[in-house]
């Protein structure tokens, strides 16, 4: 004779009372799961809505800031005077040679 110790399995009940109680517990668990899922989806939708509204607000604020940075108005181009300050355009000379090697030197005679 062999003796089984601790081999009782807890499956679905075999009596009608156990089946009714097990069915009611399963239905209550299913209803509770649907409520938690519904509440989770509501919270998730609220968070997504808040993030989208914040993004829209930031974009709207950036657009108004960008439009304030643009200067609008009328302007006209005035003709430039042809001469220099003393009136002679031929008086423009390069700066004196400071010993740099980029300008060629002429040999002295």
N, C-alpha and C. Protein backbone atom coordinates (compact mmCIF):
# COMPACT_ATOMS: atom_id res chain seq x y z
N UNK A 1 0.82 -1.17 0.00
CA UNK A 1 0.00 0.00 0.00
C UNK A 1 0.87 1.25 0.00
N UNK A 2 0.53 2.11 -0.93
CA UNK A 2 1.24 3.39 -0.96
C UNK A 2 0.31 4.48 -0.46
N UNK A 3 0.86 5.37 0.22
CA UNK A 3 0.09 6.46 0.79
C UNK A 3 0.47 7.76 0.09
N UNK A 4 -0.51 8.48 -0.37
CA UNK A 4 -0.27 9.78 -1.03
C UNK A 4 -0.44 10.90 0.00
N UNK A 5 0.60 11.71 0.10
CA UNK A 5 0.55 12.81 1.05
C UNK A 5 0.64 14.12 0.25
N UNK A 6 -0.33 14.99 0.44
CA UNK A 6 -0.31 16.30 -0.20
C UNK A 6 -0.56 16.26 -1.69
N UNK A 7 -1.35 15.34 -2.17
CA UNK A 7 -1.63 15.28 -3.60
C UNK A 7 -3.02 15.79 -3.95
N UNK A 8 -3.64 16.47 -3.03
CA UNK A 8 -4.98 16.98 -3.32
C UNK A 8 -4.86 18.16 -4.28
N UNK A 9 -5.56 18.11 -5.37
CA UNK A 9 -5.52 19.21 -6.34
C UNK A 9 -6.74 20.09 -6.16
N UNK A 10 -6.51 21.36 -6.41
CA UNK A 10 -7.59 22.33 -6.27
C UNK A 10 -8.03 22.77 -7.66
N UNK A 11 -8.87 22.03 -8.27
CA UNK A 11 -9.41 22.35 -9.57
C UNK A 11 -10.81 22.91 -9.41
N UNK A 12 -11.59 22.81 -10.45
CA UNK A 12 -12.97 23.28 -10.39
C UNK A 12 -13.76 22.34 -9.48
N UNK A 13 -14.60 22.90 -8.58
CA UNK A 13 -15.32 22.06 -7.61
C UNK A 13 -16.25 21.05 -8.30
N UNK A 14 -16.46 19.93 -7.63
CA UNK A 14 -17.28 18.87 -8.19
C UNK A 14 -18.74 18.94 -7.72
N UNK A 15 -19.03 19.58 -6.60
CA UNK A 15 -20.41 19.66 -6.11
C UNK A 15 -21.11 20.86 -6.73
N UNK A 16 -22.42 20.83 -6.72
CA UNK A 16 -23.17 21.91 -7.33
C UNK A 16 -23.03 23.20 -6.54
N UNK A 17 -22.94 23.13 -5.21
CA UNK A 17 -22.76 24.32 -4.40
C UNK A 17 -21.38 24.94 -4.67
N UNK A 18 -20.37 24.10 -4.78
CA UNK A 18 -19.02 24.58 -5.08
C UNK A 18 -18.94 25.21 -6.47
N UNK A 19 -19.67 24.62 -7.39
CA UNK A 19 -19.67 25.18 -8.76
C UNK A 19 -20.37 26.54 -8.80
N UNK A 20 -21.45 26.69 -8.04
CA UNK A 20 -22.16 27.97 -8.00
C UNK A 20 -21.27 29.04 -7.37
N UNK A 21 -20.65 28.72 -6.26
CA UNK A 21 -19.79 29.69 -5.58
C UNK A 21 -18.57 30.02 -6.46
N UNK A 22 -17.98 29.01 -7.10
CA UNK A 22 -16.84 29.24 -7.99
C UNK A 22 -17.24 30.10 -9.19
N UNK A 23 -18.41 29.86 -9.74
CA UNK A 23 -18.90 30.66 -10.87
C UNK A 23 -19.15 32.11 -10.46
N UNK A 24 -19.73 32.30 -9.28
CA UNK A 24 -19.98 33.66 -8.80
C UNK A 24 -18.66 34.40 -8.54
N UNK A 25 -17.68 33.70 -7.96
CA UNK A 25 -16.37 34.33 -7.74
C UNK A 25 -15.68 34.67 -9.06
N UNK A 26 -15.80 33.79 -10.04
CA UNK A 26 -15.19 34.05 -11.35
C UNK A 26 -15.87 35.25 -12.02
N UNK A 27 -17.20 35.33 -11.92
CA UNK A 27 -17.92 36.46 -12.52
C UNK A 27 -17.56 37.76 -11.82
N UNK A 28 -17.44 37.73 -10.47
CA UNK A 28 -17.07 38.94 -9.73
C UNK A 28 -15.65 39.38 -10.11
N UNK A 29 -14.75 38.42 -10.28
CA UNK A 29 -13.38 38.75 -10.69
C UNK A 29 -13.36 39.36 -12.09
N UNK A 30 -14.18 38.82 -12.98
CA UNK A 30 -14.26 39.35 -14.34
C UNK A 30 -14.82 40.78 -14.37
N UNK A 31 -15.86 41.03 -13.59
CA UNK A 31 -16.45 42.37 -13.51
C UNK A 31 -15.43 43.35 -12.91
N UNK A 32 -14.73 42.93 -11.86
CA UNK A 32 -13.72 43.81 -11.25
C UNK A 32 -12.59 44.11 -12.25
N UNK A 33 -12.19 43.12 -13.04
CA UNK A 33 -11.14 43.34 -14.04
C UNK A 33 -11.60 44.35 -15.09
N UNK A 34 -12.85 44.25 -15.52
CA UNK A 34 -13.36 45.22 -16.49
C UNK A 34 -13.42 46.63 -15.90
N UNK A 35 -13.80 46.75 -14.62
CA UNK A 35 -13.82 48.08 -13.99
C UNK A 35 -12.42 48.67 -13.91
N UNK A 36 -11.45 47.86 -13.51
CA UNK A 36 -10.07 48.37 -13.44
C UNK A 36 -9.55 48.74 -14.82
N UNK A 37 -9.89 47.94 -15.83
CA UNK A 37 -9.47 48.26 -17.19
C UNK A 37 -10.11 49.57 -17.66
N UNK A 38 -11.39 49.75 -17.35
CA UNK A 38 -12.09 50.98 -17.73
C UNK A 38 -11.47 52.19 -17.05
N UNK A 39 -11.20 52.09 -15.77
CA UNK A 39 -10.60 53.21 -15.04
C UNK A 39 -9.20 53.50 -15.57
N UNK A 40 -8.42 52.44 -15.85
CA UNK A 40 -7.08 52.62 -16.40
C UNK A 40 -7.14 53.34 -17.75
N UNK A 41 -8.07 52.94 -18.61
CA UNK A 41 -8.18 53.59 -19.91
C UNK A 41 -8.64 55.04 -19.79
N UNK A 42 -9.51 55.33 -18.84
CA UNK A 42 -9.93 56.72 -18.61
C UNK A 42 -8.74 57.58 -18.16
N UNK A 43 -7.95 57.07 -17.23
CA UNK A 43 -6.79 57.83 -16.74
C UNK A 43 -5.78 58.01 -17.87
N UNK A 44 -5.54 56.96 -18.65
CA UNK A 44 -4.61 57.05 -19.76
C UNK A 44 -5.09 58.07 -20.80
N UNK A 45 -6.39 58.08 -21.10
CA UNK A 45 -6.94 59.07 -22.03
C UNK A 45 -6.79 60.48 -21.50
N UNK A 46 -6.99 60.67 -20.20
CA UNK A 46 -6.82 61.99 -19.60
C UNK A 46 -5.38 62.47 -19.68
N UNK A 47 -4.44 61.57 -19.44
CA UNK A 47 -3.02 61.94 -19.53
C UNK A 47 -2.66 62.30 -20.97
N UNK A 48 -3.11 61.49 -21.93
CA UNK A 48 -2.83 61.78 -23.34
C UNK A 48 -3.45 63.11 -23.75
N UNK A 49 -4.67 63.38 -23.31
CA UNK A 49 -5.32 64.65 -23.61
C UNK A 49 -4.56 65.83 -23.01
N UNK A 50 -4.09 65.67 -21.78
CA UNK A 50 -3.34 66.75 -21.13
C UNK A 50 -2.03 67.02 -21.87
N UNK A 51 -1.33 65.97 -22.30
CA UNK A 51 -0.07 66.15 -23.02
C UNK A 51 -0.32 66.82 -24.37
N UNK A 52 -1.36 66.41 -25.08
CA UNK A 52 -1.67 67.03 -26.37
C UNK A 52 -2.06 68.50 -26.22
N UNK A 53 -2.85 68.81 -25.20
CA UNK A 53 -3.22 70.21 -24.97
C UNK A 53 -2.00 71.05 -24.62
N UNK A 54 -1.08 70.50 -23.85
CA UNK A 54 0.14 71.22 -23.50
C UNK A 54 0.99 71.46 -24.75
N UNK A 55 1.11 70.46 -25.61
CA UNK A 55 1.87 70.63 -26.84
C UNK A 55 1.24 71.69 -27.74
N UNK A 56 -0.08 71.66 -27.86
CA UNK A 56 -0.76 72.68 -28.67
C UNK A 56 -0.55 74.07 -28.10
N UNK A 57 -0.57 74.19 -26.78
CA UNK A 57 -0.36 75.47 -26.13
C UNK A 57 1.05 75.99 -26.40
N UNK A 58 2.04 75.11 -26.31
CA UNK A 58 3.43 75.52 -26.54
C UNK A 58 3.62 75.93 -28.00
N UNK A 59 3.04 75.20 -28.94
CA UNK A 59 3.17 75.54 -30.35
C UNK A 59 2.49 76.88 -30.63
N UNK A 60 1.32 77.10 -30.05
CA UNK A 60 0.61 78.36 -30.25
C UNK A 60 1.41 79.52 -29.69
N UNK A 61 2.00 79.33 -28.52
CA UNK A 61 2.80 80.38 -27.91
C UNK A 61 4.05 80.66 -28.74
N UNK A 62 4.67 79.62 -29.29
CA UNK A 62 5.86 79.81 -30.12
C UNK A 62 5.51 80.55 -31.41
N UNK A 63 4.36 80.27 -31.99
CA UNK A 63 3.95 80.97 -33.22
C UNK A 63 3.71 82.45 -32.95
N UNK A 64 3.08 82.79 -31.83
CA UNK A 64 2.84 84.20 -31.54
C UNK A 64 4.16 84.90 -31.23
N UNK A 65 5.08 84.21 -30.58
CA UNK A 65 6.40 84.80 -30.30
C UNK A 65 7.15 85.03 -31.60
N UNK A 66 7.07 84.09 -32.53
CA UNK A 66 7.76 84.24 -33.81
C UNK A 66 7.17 85.39 -34.62
N UNK A 67 5.86 85.57 -34.55
CA UNK A 67 5.25 86.66 -35.30
C UNK A 67 5.57 88.02 -34.67
N UNK A 68 5.86 88.06 -33.38
CA UNK A 68 6.24 89.32 -32.75
C UNK A 68 7.67 89.70 -33.09
N UNK A 69 8.50 88.75 -33.45
CA UNK A 69 9.89 89.03 -33.79
C UNK A 69 10.05 89.61 -35.19
N UNK A 70 9.03 89.54 -36.01
CA UNK A 70 9.10 90.04 -37.38
C UNK A 70 8.77 91.53 -37.38
N UNK A 71 9.65 92.29 -37.98
CA UNK A 71 9.41 93.72 -38.10
C UNK A 71 8.69 94.01 -39.40
N UNK A 72 7.61 94.72 -39.32
CA UNK A 72 6.85 95.06 -40.51
C UNK A 72 6.86 96.57 -40.67
N UNK A 73 6.92 97.01 -41.89
CA UNK A 73 6.88 98.44 -42.15
C UNK A 73 7.31 98.75 -43.57
N UNK A 74 7.31 100.02 -43.91
CA UNK A 74 7.71 100.45 -45.24
C UNK A 74 9.12 101.01 -45.18
N UNK A 75 9.83 100.88 -46.26
CA UNK A 75 11.17 101.44 -46.34
C UNK A 75 11.42 101.88 -47.77
N UNK A 76 12.40 102.75 -47.92
CA UNK A 76 12.81 103.19 -49.25
C UNK A 76 14.34 103.20 -49.29
N UNK A 77 14.88 102.94 -50.47
CA UNK A 77 16.32 102.92 -50.66
C UNK A 77 16.74 104.27 -51.23
N UNK A 78 17.63 104.92 -50.54
CA UNK A 78 18.11 106.22 -51.00
C UNK A 78 19.35 106.01 -51.86
N UNK A 79 19.52 106.82 -52.89
CA UNK A 79 20.70 106.65 -53.75
C UNK A 79 21.98 106.97 -53.00
N UNK A 80 23.03 106.21 -53.33
CA UNK A 80 24.31 106.39 -52.66
C UNK A 80 25.09 107.52 -53.33
N UNK A 81 25.77 108.31 -52.57
CA UNK A 81 26.57 109.39 -53.13
C UNK A 81 27.81 108.81 -53.76
N UNK A 82 28.26 109.39 -54.85
CA UNK A 82 29.37 108.85 -55.62
C UNK A 82 30.73 109.18 -55.04
N UNK A 83 30.92 110.27 -54.38
CA UNK A 83 32.22 110.69 -53.90
C UNK A 83 32.52 110.19 -52.51
N UNK A 84 33.75 110.49 -52.06
CA UNK A 84 34.11 110.16 -50.69
C UNK A 84 33.84 111.38 -49.83
N UNK A 85 34.35 111.38 -48.64
CA UNK A 85 34.06 112.48 -47.74
C UNK A 85 34.66 113.80 -48.23
N UNK A 86 35.88 113.75 -48.80
CA UNK A 86 36.48 115.00 -49.25
C UNK A 86 36.16 115.30 -50.72
N UNK A 87 35.38 114.48 -51.37
CA UNK A 87 34.93 114.75 -52.72
C UNK A 87 35.82 114.18 -53.80
N UNK A 88 36.92 113.55 -53.49
CA UNK A 88 37.82 113.03 -54.51
C UNK A 88 37.84 111.52 -54.45
N UNK A 89 37.37 110.85 -55.50
CA UNK A 89 37.35 109.39 -55.53
C UNK A 89 38.72 108.82 -55.84
N UNK A 90 39.64 109.61 -56.45
CA UNK A 90 40.98 109.13 -56.81
C UNK A 90 41.92 109.14 -55.62
N UNK A 91 41.50 109.68 -54.50
CA UNK A 91 42.36 109.80 -53.34
C UNK A 91 42.40 108.52 -52.50
N UNK A 92 41.73 107.48 -52.96
CA UNK A 92 41.69 106.23 -52.20
C UNK A 92 43.00 105.50 -52.43
N UNK A 93 43.74 105.26 -51.37
CA UNK A 93 45.04 104.59 -51.45
C UNK A 93 45.02 103.37 -50.53
N UNK A 94 45.82 102.35 -50.88
CA UNK A 94 45.93 101.21 -49.96
C UNK A 94 46.68 101.63 -48.72
N UNK A 95 46.54 100.92 -47.65
CA UNK A 95 47.25 101.27 -46.42
C UNK A 95 48.75 101.12 -46.62
N UNK A 96 49.56 101.84 -45.87
CA UNK A 96 51.01 101.77 -46.03
C UNK A 96 51.50 100.36 -45.74
N UNK A 97 52.63 100.00 -46.40
CA UNK A 97 53.19 98.67 -46.26
C UNK A 97 53.72 98.50 -44.85
N UNK A 98 53.26 97.45 -44.22
CA UNK A 98 53.70 97.21 -42.85
C UNK A 98 54.71 96.08 -42.79
N UNK A 99 55.39 95.79 -43.90
CA UNK A 99 56.40 94.76 -43.91
C UNK A 99 55.84 93.37 -44.20
N UNK A 100 54.61 93.30 -44.61
CA UNK A 100 54.06 91.98 -44.92
C UNK A 100 54.55 91.52 -46.28
N UNK A 101 54.62 90.24 -46.48
CA UNK A 101 55.22 89.69 -47.70
C UNK A 101 54.22 89.50 -48.83
N UNK A 102 53.00 89.89 -48.66
CA UNK A 102 52.02 89.67 -49.71
C UNK A 102 52.02 90.75 -50.79
N UNK A 103 52.70 91.87 -50.55
CA UNK A 103 52.78 92.90 -51.57
C UNK A 103 54.18 92.88 -52.21
N UNK A 104 54.27 92.88 -53.52
CA UNK A 104 55.60 92.84 -54.16
C UNK A 104 56.34 94.17 -53.96
N UNK A 105 57.63 94.08 -53.78
CA UNK A 105 58.46 95.29 -53.63
C UNK A 105 59.13 95.59 -54.95
N UNK A 106 59.22 96.84 -55.26
CA UNK A 106 59.91 97.28 -56.47
C UNK A 106 61.36 97.64 -56.12
N UNK A 107 62.29 97.17 -56.91
CA UNK A 107 63.68 97.52 -56.59
C UNK A 107 63.93 99.02 -56.81
N UNK A 108 64.74 99.58 -55.97
CA UNK A 108 65.04 101.00 -56.09
C UNK A 108 66.12 101.24 -57.14
N UNK A 109 66.05 102.32 -57.84
CA UNK A 109 66.99 102.63 -58.92
C UNK A 109 68.06 103.55 -58.47
